[in-house]
């Protein structure tokens, strides 16, 4: 039984071993976000994680605050409401009342009415 090469040039002995990419360092924004999470949760971020983007990302996913749940979790944030009201003043119209009870509707209203 012989190996038939369906992809010419992929498995040639002249190619040699493929290089393994070195780990990419964490971005400054990642480091800043991780330290803010650690500060709020009174945790220590292992500085060894700053050398790899993937490792720090896993630490952030494990320790970041959980999204709100409950009665008011679907309400828009105060910043969203402020921004929508500013747009409404500029466009001389009102924000629909149902937008104040659903953050997705508020986001859609903002996207559809943003000044260009």
PDB file of N, CA and C in Angstrom:
ATOM      1  N   UNK A   1       0.852  -1.173   0.000  1.00  0.00           N
ATOM      2  CA  UNK A   1       0.000   0.000   0.000  1.00  0.00           C
ATOM      3  C   UNK A   1       0.892   1.228   0.000  1.00  0.00           C
ATOM      4  N   UNK A   2       0.628   2.128  -0.897  1.00  0.00           N
ATOM      5  CA  UNK A   2       1.465   3.317  -1.000  1.00  0.00           C
ATOM      6  C   UNK A   2       0.633   4.569  -0.719  1.00  0.00           C
ATOM      7  N   UNK A   3       1.327   5.586  -0.292  1.00  0.00           N
ATOM      8  CA  UNK A   3       0.676   6.860  -0.002  1.00  0.00           C
ATOM      9  C   UNK A   3       0.615   7.659  -1.295  1.00  0.00           C
ATOM     10  N   UNK A   4      -0.584   8.053  -1.672  1.00  0.00           N
ATOM     11  CA  UNK A   4      -0.727   8.883  -2.852  1.00  0.00           C
ATOM     12  C   UNK A   4      -0.899  10.325  -2.401  1.00  0.00           C
ATOM     13  N   UNK A   5      -0.053  11.154  -2.890  1.00  0.00           N
ATOM     14  CA  UNK A   5      -0.051  12.555  -2.482  1.00  0.00           C
ATOM     15  C   UNK A   5      -1.109  13.330  -3.258  1.00  0.00           C
ATOM     16  N   UNK A   6      -2.208  13.686  -2.582  1.00  0.00           N
ATOM     17  CA  UNK A   6      -3.267  14.461  -3.217  1.00  0.00           C
ATOM     18  C   UNK A   6      -2.989  15.959  -3.143  1.00  0.00           C
ATOM     19  N   UNK A   7      -2.115  16.342  -2.257  1.00  0.00           N
ATOM     20  CA  UNK A   7      -1.755  17.748  -2.112  1.00  0.00           C
ATOM     21  C   UNK A   7      -0.264  17.893  -2.393  1.00  0.00           C
ATOM     22  N   UNK A   8       0.118  18.096  -3.643  1.00  0.00           N
ATOM     23  CA  UNK A   8       1.531  18.154  -3.976  1.00  0.00           C
ATOM     24  C   UNK A   8       2.240  19.300  -3.245  1.00  0.00           C
ATOM     25  N   UNK A   9       3.404  19.007  -2.733  1.00  0.00           N
ATOM     26  CA  UNK A   9       4.220  20.004  -2.050  1.00  0.00           C
ATOM     27  C   UNK A   9       3.948  20.130  -0.572  1.00  0.00           C
ATOM     28  N   UNK A  10       2.913  19.473  -0.033  1.00  0.00           N
ATOM     29  CA  UNK A  10       2.580  19.600   1.373  1.00  0.00           C
ATOM     30  C   UNK A  10       3.468  18.704   2.222  1.00  0.00           C
ATOM     31  N   UNK A  11       3.700  17.486   1.767  1.00  0.00           N
ATOM     32  CA  UNK A  11       4.453  16.531   2.562  1.00  0.00           C
ATOM     33  C   UNK A  11       5.808  16.205   1.953  1.00  0.00           C
ATOM     34  N   UNK A  12       6.435  17.160   1.351  1.00  0.00           N
ATOM     35  CA  UNK A  12       7.730  16.883   0.745  1.00  0.00           C
ATOM     36  C   UNK A  12       8.820  16.926   1.806  1.00  0.00           C
ATOM     37  N   UNK A  13       9.825  16.046   1.678  1.00  0.00           N
ATOM     38  CA  UNK A  13      10.906  16.035   2.669  1.00  0.00           C
ATOM     39  C   UNK A  13      11.732  17.314   2.650  1.00  0.00           C
ATOM     40  N   UNK A  14      11.748  18.040   1.550  1.00  0.00           N
ATOM     41  CA  UNK A  14      12.535  19.274   1.463  1.00  0.00           C
ATOM     42  C   UNK A  14      11.947  20.385   2.332  1.00  0.00           C
ATOM     43  N   UNK A  15      10.673  20.267   2.646  1.00  0.00           N
ATOM     44  CA  UNK A  15       9.986  21.318   3.401  1.00  0.00           C
ATOM     45  C   UNK A  15      10.540  21.449   4.809  1.00  0.00           C
ATOM     46  N   UNK A  16      10.840  20.356   5.449  1.00  0.00           N
ATOM     47  CA  UNK A  16      11.351  20.397   6.808  1.00  0.00           C
ATOM     48  C   UNK A  16      10.243  20.626   7.807  1.00  0.00           C
ATOM     49  N   UNK A  17      10.617  20.826   9.047  1.00  0.00           N
ATOM     50  CA  UNK A  17       9.636  21.020  10.117  1.00  0.00           C
ATOM     51  C   UNK A  17       9.023  22.409  10.012  1.00  0.00           C
ATOM     52  N   UNK A  18       7.751  22.501  10.337  1.00  0.00           N
ATOM     53  CA  UNK A  18       7.061  23.788  10.321  1.00  0.00           C
ATOM     54  C   UNK A  18       7.420  24.561  11.590  1.00  0.00           C
ATOM     55  N   UNK A  19       7.576  25.847  11.464  1.00  0.00           N
ATOM     56  CA  UNK A  19       7.917  26.685  12.605  1.00  0.00           C
ATOM     57  C   UNK A  19       6.692  26.860  13.503  1.00  0.00           C
ATOM     58  N   UNK A  20       6.920  26.834  14.790  1.00  0.00           N
ATOM     59  CA  UNK A  20       5.863  27.093  15.756  1.00  0.00           C
ATOM     60  C   UNK A  20       5.951  28.562  16.137  1.00  0.00           C
ATOM     61  N   UNK A  21       4.816  29.236  16.033  1.00  0.00           N
ATOM     62  CA  UNK A  21       4.776  30.661  16.346  1.00  0.00           C
ATOM     63  C   UNK A  21       4.994  30.889  17.841  1.00  0.00           C
ATOM     64  N   UNK A  22       5.748  31.905  18.169  1.00  0.00           N
ATOM     65  CA  UNK A  22       5.960  32.278  19.567  1.00  0.00           C
ATOM     66  C   UNK A  22       4.666  32.879  20.113  1.00  0.00           C
ATOM     67  N   UNK A  23       4.387  32.708  21.409  1.00  0.00           N
ATOM     68  CA  UNK A  23       3.169  33.295  21.976  1.00  0.00           C
ATOM     69  C   UNK A  23       3.184  34.821  21.839  1.00  0.00           C
ATOM     70  N   UNK A  24       2.038  35.373  21.558  1.00  0.00           N
ATOM     71  CA  UNK A  24       1.902  36.813  21.388  1.00  0.00           C
ATOM     72  C   UNK A  24       1.638  37.439  22.756  1.00  0.00           C
ATOM     73  N   UNK A  25       2.316  38.546  23.027  1.00  0.00           N
ATOM     74  CA  UNK A  25       2.158  39.228  24.316  1.00  0.00           C
ATOM     75  C   UNK A  25       0.770  39.851  24.431  1.00  0.00           C
ATOM     76  N   UNK A  26       0.301  40.004  25.635  1.00  0.00           N
ATOM     77  CA  UNK A  26      -1.002  40.608  25.901  1.00  0.00           C
ATOM     78  C   UNK A  26      -0.990  42.074  25.487  1.00  0.00           C
ATOM     79  N   UNK A  27      -2.140  42.564  25.068  1.00  0.00           N
ATOM     80  CA  UNK A  27      -2.242  43.962  24.655  1.00  0.00           C
ATOM     81  C   UNK A  27      -2.357  44.861  25.888  1.00  0.00           C
ATOM     82  N   UNK A  28      -2.000  46.126  25.758  1.00  0.00           N
ATOM     83  CA  UNK A  28      -2.152  47.045  26.890  1.00  0.00           C
ATOM     84  C   UNK A  28      -3.597  47.139  27.396  1.00  0.00           C
ATOM     85  N   UNK A  29      -4.571  47.087  26.477  1.00  0.00           N
ATOM     86  CA  UNK A  29      -5.977  47.141  26.901  1.00  0.00           C
ATOM     87  C   UNK A  29      -6.349  45.903  27.700  1.00  0.00           C
ATOM     88  N   UNK A  30      -5.832  44.742  27.295  1.00  0.00           N
ATOM     89  CA  UNK A  30      -6.096  43.507  28.041  1.00  0.00           C
ATOM     90  C   UNK A  30      -5.533  43.617  29.451  1.00  0.00           C
ATOM     91  N   UNK A  31      -4.307  44.096  29.551  1.00  0.00           N
ATOM     92  CA  UNK A  31      -3.653  44.225  30.857  1.00  0.00           C
ATOM     93  C   UNK A  31      -4.423  45.211  31.737  1.00  0.00           C
ATOM     94  N   UNK A  32      -4.845  46.327  31.146  1.00  0.00           N
ATOM     95  CA  UNK A  32      -5.604  47.329  31.899  1.00  0.00           C
ATOM     96  C   UNK A  32      -6.935  46.755  32.387  1.00  0.00           C
ATOM     97  N   UNK A  33      -7.628  46.003  31.514  1.00  0.00           N
ATOM     98  CA  UNK A  33      -8.907  45.410  31.895  1.00  0.00           C
ATOM     99  C   UNK A  33      -8.719  44.375  32.999  1.00  0.00           C
ATOM    100  N   UNK A  34      -7.679  43.548  32.871  1.00  0.00           N
ATOM    101  CA  UNK A  34      -7.412  42.526  33.886  1.00  0.00           C
ATOM    102  C   UNK A  34      -7.082  43.157  35.230  1.00  0.00           C
ATOM    103  N   UNK A  35      -6.300  44.223  35.226  1.00  0.00           N
ATOM    104  CA  UNK A  35      -5.954  44.865  36.496  1.00  0.00           C
ATOM    105  C   UNK A  35      -7.170  45.555  37.115  1.00  0.00           C
ATOM    106  N   UNK A  36      -8.087  46.093  36.283  1.00  0.00           N
ATOM    107  CA  UNK A  36      -9.288  46.712  36.849  1.00  0.00           C
ATOM    108  C   UNK A  36     -10.208  45.643  37.462  1.00  0.00           C
ATOM    109  N   UNK A  37     -10.298  44.495  36.815  1.00  0.00           N
ATOM    110  CA  UNK A  37     -11.081  43.384  37.388  1.00  0.00           C
ATOM    111  C   UNK A  37     -10.466  42.952  38.709  1.00  0.00           C
ATOM    112  N   UNK A  38      -9.144  42.805  38.720  1.00  0.00           N
ATOM    113  CA  UNK A  38      -8.449  42.357  39.929  1.00  0.00           C
ATOM    114  C   UNK A  38      -8.617  43.363  41.063  1.00  0.00           C
ATOM    115  N   UNK A  39      -8.555  44.649  40.725  1.00  0.00           N
ATOM    116  CA  UNK A  39      -8.690  45.691  41.748  1.00  0.00           C
ATOM    117  C   UNK A  39     -10.087  45.646  42.373  1.00  0.00           C
ATOM    118  N   UNK A  40     -11.115  45.510  41.526  1.00  0.00           N
ATOM    119  CA  UNK A  40     -12.491  45.483  42.036  1.00  0.00           C
ATOM    120  C   UNK A  40     -12.773  44.228  42.849  1.00  0.00           C
ATOM    121  N   UNK A  41     -12.180  43.096  42.447  1.00  0.00           N
ATOM    122  CA  UNK A  41     -12.438  41.828  43.136  1.00  0.00           C
ATOM    123  C   UNK A  41     -11.403  41.548  44.218  1.00  0.00           C
ATOM    124  N   UNK A  42     -10.466  42.482  44.412  1.00  0.00           N
ATOM    125  CA  UNK A  42      -9.384  42.315  45.389  1.00  0.00           C
ATOM    126  C   UNK A  42      -8.617  41.017  45.152  1.00  0.00           C
ATOM    127  N   UNK A  43      -8.199  40.826  43.891  1.00  0.00           N
ATOM    128  CA  UNK A  43      -7.418  39.660  43.475  1.00  0.00           C
ATOM    129  C   UNK A  43      -6.066  40.115  42.971  1.00  0.00           C
ATOM    130  N   UNK A  44      -5.159  39.173  42.834  1.00  0.00           N
ATOM    131  CA  UNK A  44      -3.867  39.439  42.216  1.00  0.00           C
ATOM    132  C   UNK A  44      -3.844  38.799  40.839  1.00  0.00           C
ATOM    133  N   UNK A  45      -3.389  39.568  39.850  1.00  0.00           N
ATOM    134  CA  UNK A  45      -3.224  39.008  38.509  1.00  0.00           C
ATOM    135  C   UNK A  45      -1.797  38.478  38.426  1.00  0.00           C
ATOM    136  N   UNK A  46      -1.618  37.198  38.116  1.00  0.00           N
ATOM    137  CA  UNK A  46      -0.259  36.690  37.953  1.00  0.00           C
ATOM    138  C   UNK A  46       0.437  37.404  36.792  1.00  0.00           C
ATOM    139  N   UNK A  47       1.536  38.065  37.071  1.00  0.00           N
ATOM    140  CA  UNK A  47       2.232  38.835  36.031  1.00  0.00           C
ATOM    141  C   UNK A  47       2.776  37.937  34.923  1.00  0.00           C
ATOM    142  N   UNK A  48       2.887  36.647  35.187  1.00  0.00           N
ATOM    143  CA  UNK A  48       3.343  35.740  34.126  1.00  0.00           C
ATOM    144  C   UNK A  48       2.323  35.658  32.995  1.00  0.00           C
ATOM    145  N   UNK A  49       1.072  35.974  33.289  1.00  0.00           N
ATOM    146  CA  UNK A  49       0.032  35.944  32.253  1.00  0.00           C
ATOM    147  C   UNK A  49       0.165  37.095  31.269  1.00  0.00           C
ATOM    148  N   UNK A  50       0.881  38.158  31.617  1.00  0.00           N
ATOM    149  CA  UNK A  50       1.034  39.300  30.725  1.00  0.00           C
ATOM    150  C   UNK A  50       1.838  38.935  29.482  1.00  0.00           C
ATOM    151  N   UNK A  51       2.575  37.844  29.538  1.00  0.00           N
ATOM    152  CA  UNK A  51       3.409  37.467  28.393  1.00  0.00           C
ATOM    153  C   UNK A  51       2.625  36.765  27.294  1.00  0.00           C
ATOM    154  N   UNK A  52       1.448  36.232  27.601  1.00  0.00           N
ATOM    155  CA  UNK A  52       0.661  35.558  26.566  1.00  0.00           C
ATOM    156  C   UNK A  52      -0.755  36.115  26.512  1.00  0.00           C
ATOM    157  N   UNK A  53      -1.164  36.446  25.326  1.00  0.00           N
ATOM    158  CA  UNK A  53      -2.503  36.992  25.111  1.00  0.00           C
ATOM    159  C   UNK A  53      -3.575  35.964  25.457  1.00  0.00           C
ATOM    160  N   UNK A  54      -3.330  34.720  25.092  1.00  0.00           N
ATOM    161  CA  UNK A  54      -4.310  33.659  25.320  1.00  0.00           C
ATOM    162  C   UNK A  54      -4.500  33.384  26.822  1.00  0.00           C
ATOM    163  N   UNK A  55      -3.406  33.302  27.557  1.00  0.00           N
ATOM    164  CA  UNK A  55      -3.488  33.024  28.995  1.00  0.00           C
ATOM    165  C   UNK A  55      -4.216  34.124  29.749  1.00  0.00           C
ATOM    166  N   UNK A  56      -3.920  35.381  29.411  1.00  0.00           N
ATOM    167  CA  UNK A  56      -4.579  36.500  30.082  1.00  0.00           C
ATOM    168  C   UNK A  56      -6.065  36.547  29.714  1.00  0.00           C
ATOM    169  N   UNK A  57      -6.373  36.209  28.477  1.00  0.00           N
ATOM    170  CA  UNK A  57      -7.773  36.168  28.049  1.00  0.00           C
ATOM    171  C   UNK A  57      -8.558  35.126  28.837  1.00  0.00           C
ATOM    172  N   UNK A  58      -7.959  33.981  29.075  1.00  0.00           N
ATOM    173  CA  UNK A  58      -8.627  32.948  29.875  1.00  0.00           C
ATOM    174  C   UNK A  58      -8.844  33.429  31.313  1.00  0.00           C
ATOM    175  N   UNK A  59      -7.848  34.114  31.892  1.00  0.00           N
ATOM    176  CA  UNK A  59      -7.977  34.634  33.254  1.00  0.00           C
ATOM    177  C   UNK A  59      -9.111  35.658  33.310  1.00  0.00           C
ATOM    178  N   UNK A  60      -9.186  36.537  32.315  1.00  0.00           N
ATOM    179  CA  UNK A  60     -10.240  37.548  32.279  1.00  0.00           C
ATOM    180  C   UNK A  60     -11.609  36.880  32.201  1.00  0.00           C
ATOM    181  N   UNK A  61     -11.757  35.886  31.318  1.00  0.00           N
ATOM    182  CA  UNK A  61     -13.043  35.196  31.179  1.00  0.00           C
ATOM    183  C   UNK A  61     -13.473  34.530  32.482  1.00  0.00           C
ATOM    184  N   UNK A  62     -12.510  34.018  33.214  1.00  0.00           N
ATOM    185  CA  UNK A  62     -12.818  33.332  34.470  1.00  0.00           C
ATOM    186  C   UNK A  62     -13.225  34.310  35.571  1.00  0.00           C
ATOM    187  N   UNK A  63     -12.633  35.508  35.592  1.00  0.00           N
ATOM    188  CA  UNK A  63     -12.822  36.427  36.712  1.00  0.00           C
ATOM    189  C   UNK A  63     -13.678  37.656  36.423  1.00  0.00           C
ATOM    190  N   UNK A  64     -14.082  37.883  35.171  1.00  0.00           N
ATOM    191  CA  UNK A  64     -14.861  39.088  34.893  1.00  0.00           C
ATOM    192  C   UNK A  64     -16.228  38.987  35.552  1.00  0.00           C
ATOM    193  N   UNK A  65     -16.806  40.135  35.899  1.00  0.00           N
ATOM    194  CA  UNK A  65     -18.113  40.118  36.571  1.00  0.00           C
ATOM    195  C   UNK A  65     -19.180  39.496  35.674  1.00  0.00           C
ATOM    196  N   UNK A  66     -20.066  38.772  36.284  1.00  0.00           N
ATOM    197  CA  UNK A  66     -21.162  38.129  35.562  1.00  0.00           C
ATOM    198  C   UNK A  66     -22.192  39.190  35.169  1.00  0.00           C
ATOM    199  N   UNK A  67     -22.848  39.024  34.028  1.00  0.00           N
ATOM    200  CA  UNK A  67     -23.882  39.995  33.647  1.00  0.00           C
ATOM    201  C   UNK A  67     -25.046  39.974  34.627  1.00  0.00           C
ATOM    202  N   UNK A  68     -25.711  41.096  34.729  1.00  0.00           N
ATOM    203  CA  UNK A  68     -26.842  41.218  35.647  1.00  0.00           C
ATOM    204  C   UNK A  68     -27.965  40.269  35.244  1.00  0.00           C
ATOM    205  N   UNK A  69     -28.627  39.739  36.235  1.00  0.00           N
ATOM    206  CA  UNK A  69     -29.811  38.924  35.987  1.00  0.00           C
ATOM    207  C   UNK A  69     -30.908  39.451  36.902  1.00  0.00           C
ATOM    208  N   UNK A  70     -32.121  39.221  36.530  1.00  0.00           N
ATOM    209  CA  UNK A  70     -33.219  39.642  37.378  1.00  0.00           C
ATOM    210  C   UNK A  70     -34.162  40.582  36.678  1.00  0.00           C
ATOM    211  N   UNK A  71     -34.937  41.266  37.488  1.00  0.00           N
ATOM    212  CA  UNK A  71     -36.029  42.099  37.003  1.00  0.00           C
ATOM    213  C   UNK A  71     -35.565  43.230  36.082  1.00  0.00           C
ATOM    214  N   UNK A  72     -34.439  43.857  36.409  1.00  0.00           N
ATOM    215  CA  UNK A  72     -34.004  45.026  35.660  1.00  0.00           C
ATOM    216  C   UNK A  72     -32.853  44.747  34.697  1.00  0.00           C
ATOM    217  N   UNK A  73     -32.549  43.494  34.437  1.00  0.00           N
ATOM    218  CA  UNK A  73     -31.405  43.171  33.591  1.00  0.00           C
ATOM    219  C   UNK A  73     -31.603  43.571  32.133  1.00  0.00           C
ATOM    220  N   UNK A  74     -32.849  43.701  31.692  1.00  0.00           N
ATOM    221  CA  UNK A  74     -33.116  44.069  30.302  1.00  0.00           C
ATOM    222  C   UNK A  74     -33.255  45.579  30.095  1.00  0.00           C
ATOM    223  N   UNK A  75     -33.212  46.353  31.175  1.00  0.00           N
ATOM    224  CA  UNK A  75     -33.353  47.796  31.049  1.00  0.00           C
ATOM    225  C   UNK A  75     -32.070  48.384  30.468  1.00  0.00           C
ATOM    226  N   UNK A  76     -32.163  49.469  29.690  1.00  0.00           N
ATOM    227  CA  UNK A  76     -30.954  50.101  29.144  1.00  0.00           C
ATOM    228  C   UNK A  76     -30.146  50.773  30.248  1.00  0.00           C
ATOM    229  N   UNK A  77     -28.862  50.928  29.992  1.00  0.00           N
ATOM    230  CA  UNK A  77     -27.994  51.581  30.980  1.00  0.00           C
ATOM    231  C   UNK A  77     -28.283  53.082  31.002  1.00  0.00           C
ATOM    232  N   UNK A  78     -27.824  53.724  32.042  1.00  0.00           N
ATOM    233  CA  UNK A  78     -28.048  55.169  32.155  1.00  0.00           C
ATOM    234  C   UNK A  78     -27.311  55.912  31.040  1.00  0.00           C
ATOM    235  N   UNK A  79     -26.156  55.409  30.636  1.00  0.00           N
ATOM    236  CA  UNK A  79     -25.409  56.050  29.548  1.00  0.00           C
ATOM    237  C   UNK A  79     -26.154  55.916  28.226  1.00  0.00           C
ATOM    238  N   UNK A  80     -26.795  54.758  28.026  1.00  0.00           N
ATOM    239  CA  UNK A  80     -27.594  54.556  26.819  1.00  0.00           C
ATOM    240  C   UNK A  80     -28.760  55.543  26.781  1.00  0.00           C
ATOM    241  N   UNK A  81     -29.427  55.697  27.908  1.00  0.00           N
ATOM    242  CA  UNK A  81     -30.571  56.608  27.988  1.00  0.00           C
ATOM    243  C   UNK A  81     -30.121  58.047  27.758  1.00  0.00           C
ATOM    244  N   UNK A  82     -29.007  58.442  28.370  1.00  0.00           N
ATOM    245  CA  UNK A  82     -28.498  59.803  28.186  1.00  0.00           C
ATOM    246  C   UNK A  82     -28.174  60.071  26.724  1.00  0.00           C
ATOM    247  N   UNK A  83     -27.524  59.109  26.076  1.00  0.00           N
ATOM    248  CA  UNK A  83     -27.142  59.276  24.676  1.00  0.00           C
ATOM    249  C   UNK A  83     -28.388  59.373  23.795  1.00  0.00           C
ATOM    250  N   UNK A  84     -29.376  58.525  24.051  1.00  0.00           N
ATOM    251  CA  UNK A  84     -30.618  58.551  23.276  1.00  0.00           C
ATOM    252  C   UNK A  84     -31.340  59.882  23.454  1.00  0.00           C
ATOM    253  N   UNK A  85     -31.381  60.388  24.671  1.00  0.00           N
ATOM    254  CA  UNK A  85     -32.054  61.666  24.914  1.00  0.00           C
ATOM    255  C   UNK A  85     -31.323  62.826  24.245  1.00  0.00           C
ATOM    256  N   UNK A  86     -29.995  62.749  24.204  1.00  0.00           N
ATOM    257  CA  UNK A  86     -29.231  63.785  23.505  1.00  0.00           C
ATOM    258  C   UNK A  86     -29.531  63.759  22.002  1.00  0.00           C
ATOM    259  N   UNK A  87     -29.600  62.551  21.431  1.00  0.00           N
ATOM    260  CA  UNK A  87     -29.950  62.412  20.012  1.00  0.00           C
ATOM    261  C   UNK A  87     -31.360  62.944  19.764  1.00  0.00           C
ATOM    262  N   UNK A  88     -32.280  62.619  20.658  1.00  0.00           N
ATOM    263  CA  UNK A  88     -33.665  63.068  20.503  1.00  0.00           C
ATOM    264  C   UNK A  88     -33.754  64.595  20.522  1.00  0.00           C
ATOM    265  N   UNK A  89     -32.984  65.240  21.399  1.00  0.00           N
ATOM    266  CA  UNK A  89     -32.979  66.715  21.434  1.00  0.00           C
ATOM    267  C   UNK A  89     -32.439  67.282  20.128  1.00  0.00           C
ATOM    268  N   UNK A  90     -31.350  66.679  19.621  1.00  0.00           N
ATOM    269  CA  UNK A  90     -30.765  67.169  18.364  1.00  0.00           C
ATOM    270  C   UNK A  90     -31.717  67.000  17.186  1.00  0.00           C
ATOM    271  N   UNK A  91     -32.436  65.902  17.164  1.00  0.00           N
ATOM    272  CA  UNK A  91     -33.340  65.606  16.050  1.00  0.00           C
ATOM    273  C   UNK A  91     -34.755  66.124  16.284  1.00  0.00           C
ATOM    274  N   UNK A  92     -34.994  66.722  17.450  1.00  0.00           N
ATOM    275  CA  UNK A  92     -36.311  67.269  17.813  1.00  0.00           C
ATOM    276  C   UNK A  92     -37.415  66.220  17.691  1.00  0.00           C
ATOM    277  N   UNK A  93     -37.167  65.084  18.322  1.00  0.00           N
ATOM    278  CA  UNK A  93     -38.176  64.020  18.403  1.00  0.00           C
ATOM    279  C   UNK A  93     -38.035  63.337  19.749  1.00  0.00           C
ATOM    280  N   UNK A  94     -38.954  62.451  20.056  1.00  0.00           N
ATOM    281  CA  UNK A  94     -38.931  61.763  21.343  1.00  0.00           C
ATOM    282  C   UNK A  94     -38.479  60.320  21.189  1.00  0.00           C
ATOM    283  N   UNK A  95     -37.893  59.815  22.243  1.00  0.00           N
ATOM    284  CA  UNK A  95     -37.531  58.397  22.295  1.00  0.00           C
ATOM    285  C   UNK A  95     -38.798  57.630  22.655  1.00  0.00           C
ATOM    286  N   UNK A  96     -39.156  56.596  21.888  1.00  0.00           N
ATOM    287  CA  UNK A  96     -40.366  55.823  22.219  1.00  0.00           C
ATOM    288  C   UNK A  96     -40.278  55.222  23.625  1.00  0.00           C
ATOM    289  N   UNK A  97     -41.401  55.197  24.323  1.00  0.00           N
ATOM    290  CA  UNK A  97     -41.435  54.731  25.711  1.00  0.00           C
ATOM    291  C   UNK A  97     -40.999  53.277  25.860  1.00  0.00           C
ATOM    292  N   UNK A  98     -41.298  52.422  24.889  1.00  0.00           N
ATOM    293  CA  UNK A  98     -40.906  51.009  25.007  1.00  0.00           C
ATOM    294  C   UNK A  98     -39.385  50.830  25.000  1.00  0.00           C
ATOM    295  N   UNK A  99     -38.657  51.811  24.461  1.00  0.00           N
ATOM    296  CA  UNK A  99     -37.194  51.736  24.456  1.00  0.00           C
ATOM    297  C   UNK A  99     -36.611  51.852  25.859  1.00  0.00           C
ATOM    298  N   UNK A 100     -37.348  52.489  26.781  1.00  0.00           N
ATOM    299  CA  UNK A 100     -36.852  52.659  28.140  1.00  0.00           C
ATOM    300  C   UNK A 100     -36.969  51.381  28.966  1.00  0.00           C
ATOM    301  N   UNK A 101     -37.582  50.342  28.407  1.00  0.00           N
ATOM    302  CA  UNK A 101     -37.732  49.076  29.137  1.00  0.00           C
ATOM    303  C   UNK A 101     -36.970  47.926  28.506  1.00  0.00           C
ATOM    304  N   UNK A 102     -36.282  48.185  27.384  1.00  0.00           N
ATOM    305  CA  UNK A 102     -35.553  47.117  26.709  1.00  0.00           C
ATOM    306  C   UNK A 102     -34.287  47.679  26.087  1.00  0.00           C
ATOM    307  N   UNK A 103     -33.134  47.179  26.528  1.00  0.00           N
ATOM    308  CA  UNK A 103     -31.865  47.724  26.047  1.00  0.00           C
ATOM    309  C   UNK A 103     -31.628  47.439  24.569  1.00  0.00           C
ATOM    310  N   UNK A 104     -32.185  46.336  24.048  1.00  0.00           N
ATOM    311  CA  UNK A 104     -32.018  46.026  22.629  1.00  0.00           C
ATOM    312  C   UNK A 104     -32.796  47.023  21.775  1.00  0.00           C
ATOM    313  N   UNK A 105     -34.019  47.329  22.178  1.00  0.00           N
ATOM    314  CA  UNK A 105     -34.804  48.328  21.445  1.00  0.00           C
ATOM    315  C   UNK A 105     -34.133  49.699  21.502  1.00  0.00           C
ATOM    316  N   UNK A 106     -33.590  50.038  22.668  1.00  0.00           N
ATOM    317  CA  UNK A 106     -32.908  51.324  22.812  1.00  0.00           C
ATOM    318  C   UNK A 106     -31.693  51.385  21.894  1.00  0.00           C
ATOM    319  N   UNK A 107     -30.945  50.308  21.836  1.00  0.00           N
ATOM    320  CA  UNK A 107     -29.774  50.253  20.974  1.00  0.00           C
ATOM    321  C   UNK A 107     -30.164  50.409  19.508  1.00  0.00           C
ATOM    322  N   UNK A 108     -31.228  49.747  19.108  1.00  0.00           N
ATOM    323  CA  UNK A 108     -31.698  49.866  17.720  1.00  0.00           C
ATOM    324  C   UNK A 108     -32.175  51.286  17.412  1.00  0.00           C
ATOM    325  N   UNK A 109     -32.858  51.903  18.380  1.00  0.00           N
ATOM    326  CA  UNK A 109     -33.321  53.273  18.160  1.00  0.00           C
ATOM    327  C   UNK A 109     -32.130  54.210  18.016  1.00  0.00           C
ATOM    328  N   UNK A 110     -31.127  54.026  18.866  1.00  0.00           N
ATOM    329  CA  UNK A 110     -29.923  54.864  18.791  1.00  0.00           C
ATOM    330  C   UNK A 110     -29.229  54.684  17.444  1.00  0.00           C
ATOM    331  N   UNK A 111     -29.051  53.424  17.020  1.00  0.00           N
ATOM    332  CA  UNK A 111     -28.385  53.161  15.740  1.00  0.00           C
ATOM    333  C   UNK A 111     -29.150  53.766  14.566  1.00  0.00           C
ATOM    334  N   UNK A 112     -30.468  53.735  14.626  1.00  0.00           N
ATOM    335  CA  UNK A 112     -31.272  54.265  13.545  1.00  0.00           C
ATOM    336  C   UNK A 112     -31.389  55.788  13.535  1.00  0.00           C
ATOM    337  N   UNK A 113     -31.059  56.440  14.642  1.00  0.00           N
ATOM    338  CA  UNK A 113     -31.235  57.888  14.752  1.00  0.00           C
ATOM    339  C   UNK A 113     -29.937  58.661  15.002  1.00  0.00           C
ATOM    340  N   UNK A 114     -28.813  57.980  15.011  1.00  0.00           N
ATOM    341  CA  UNK A 114     -27.535  58.658  15.253  1.00  0.00           C
ATOM    342  C   UNK A 114     -27.303  59.752  14.223  1.00  0.00           C
ATOM    343  N   UNK A 115     -26.836  60.903  14.671  1.00  0.00           N
ATOM    344  CA  UNK A 115     -26.489  61.945  13.689  1.00  0.00           C
ATOM    345  C   UNK A 115     -25.274  61.492  12.887  1.00  0.00           C
ATOM    346  N   UNK A 116     -25.292  61.735  11.638  1.00  0.00           N
ATOM    347  CA  UNK A 116     -24.203  61.279  10.759  1.00  0.00           C
ATOM    348  C   UNK A 116     -23.193  62.357  10.542  1.00  0.00           C
TER     349      UNK A 116
END
